[in-house]
Amino acid sequence: MLKTLEPACQMTLEDGAIARSSRAFVKSGLVNVTRIYRKMLLWLALVPIIAITPSFASTLPDFSALVEQEADAVVKISVLTNVESTMGGGFPGFGPDQIPEQFRRFFDQFPQEQAPEPRQRAGAGSGFIISDDGYIITNAHVVDNATQITVGMNDRREFDATLVGSDPASDIALLKLDAEGLPQVTIGDSEQLRVGEWVLAIGSPFGFEHTATQGIVSALSRSLPDDTYVPFIQTDVAVNPGNSGGPLFNTDGEVVGVNSQIYSRSGGYQGLSFAIPINVAMSIAEQLKDHGYATRGWLGVAIQNVDQSLAESFGLDKPEGALVAQVTSNSPADKAGLLSGDIILEFNGREVGYSSALPPLVGAVIPGETVDMLVLRDGRKKTVEVTIEALDEGQPERAAVASNPVGESRLGVEVSALPDDVAEQMGLDHGVLVARVDPEGVAAKAGIREGDVILSLNREQIDSVAELEELSSDAPANEAIPVLVQRERSPMFLALTLPSGKG
């Protein structure tokens, strides 16, 4: 028999317990449903974001299309060069002059070797086609002294190449094929490169043709020893022997550099690769095409970097610029009124952060062109106009010689008048010669050495020992001041701090 349900206010204790249990169940269920519902809403809200935001993997560049489009314009370059043989007449393996006189008659009975013909050595590198009528850029060192140059295409065709011109200073060479309708690369703008940007190299490392390797731009405007006129692009792209002369591409498929050098202790790739900016390479290539040789601008100054001490002594807020240590007589800089002690802060509208940045900027100017320089002189900035001339690669070098001591200075050095023959050899018309340096003196701490010629102190020219004594006595104490010296072949500024009183 069914019982009639009563109002809730009239439930029995048992009924109340059941009701409470039911409510708790429903409540917990609602809580769980709410939690699930909230999670669903959160998930649905995130779906558009996840769909729009690319994963980390998708941000990595895919170079497959670039390689497919550009590989046909990248070539392998094979060269043959003549190498003189060390073999000569006499006993095999020995030249006649290598056999002692007392034994020579015993070897006369052996058949004499004929003078050997020059041997040929094979070499290889890479290059890329810049015009459909067959002009190719590669490295100068790839084709240096080559007697035969063969260019291999991606479709396995081969052509004999003619050397149009080569410029060792920039390591750029221009070749020409007798062909038409060839694939060509797209030339980019190396001035737009940024550190951290992805780049790709294609070349023939160790003879493995059309090998692609990728990395990033590690640094810009690198200055390397003996490569004054190239502001190299540093990358971590794997480059090995055979990659030389090959192109460096950006992600847009444009050539931004010419792979040229690696830093290595083993001869192979170790994470430091250097490429010639394409803007430099194309400028040289155009000159080689027009004239068969390249010229570069000449300013006519000896420069050095500005460190913290020198910056303080010249009144700079921070180390920057190229400090002019010497101005060559009758040079463009001399004609423009540039002075020793000037600090070049800008050249032709470009900032000169380090002294190494100046030579490439000067070298890129066409001889005869007039440009502006922003210089710091006596604590004030001024603009100097200079007309750049062509660089004469064969300017003579000068050497320094030591002499006997005569006087002693507050600087902690013994100096003498500059002998006429030394002045002539060094091309100097003033200065005093450092004969001895007190190892505990301020000059030694500044880096002055025996044999240096002191040319100026605190921007005042030194013409005699007495003048050096006077200037050093009057110089401010406990304050960095510049001293210009000439050492061996190069003038340089040093910063020294004089103590109070005589020293």
Foldseek 3Di string as FASTA:
>chain_A
DDDDDDDPVPDDPVVVVVVVVVVVVVVVVVVVVVVVVVVVVVVVVCVVVPVPDDDPVVVDADCPVLLVQFQQQKKKKKFKAWDQDPAAWWDGPDHLVRDDPVCRVVRVPPDIDHRDDTDIDMAMAMWGAAAQQFKIKFFLVRCPRTPWMWIAGPVGDIFTWDWLAHDNLLRITIIGTRGGRGDGFAADALVPFDFFFKKKWFWQAVHNHGDIWIWTFHDWQDDDPSNLQFGKTKTQTFDAGRHGHTFMAGSVSHGQWGWHDADDPVRGHDRITITGGVVVNVLQNVCSNVPVGDWFWDQAFFWAFFQALNCQQQVHPHTAFTQTQDGDPPGQNVVQPNDHGKGWQDKQRHGGGTNSNPNNVRRSDDQQDKGWTWIADSNDTDIIITGIHTDDPDDDFAFFDADDFDAAALQQFTWAADDPVRCVRQVHDAFIATQGGDCPGQCVVQPDDHRKTWQDWLPHGHHGPVVRRVCRQPDDAPGWHWIWIQHTRHIDITITGGHPDGD
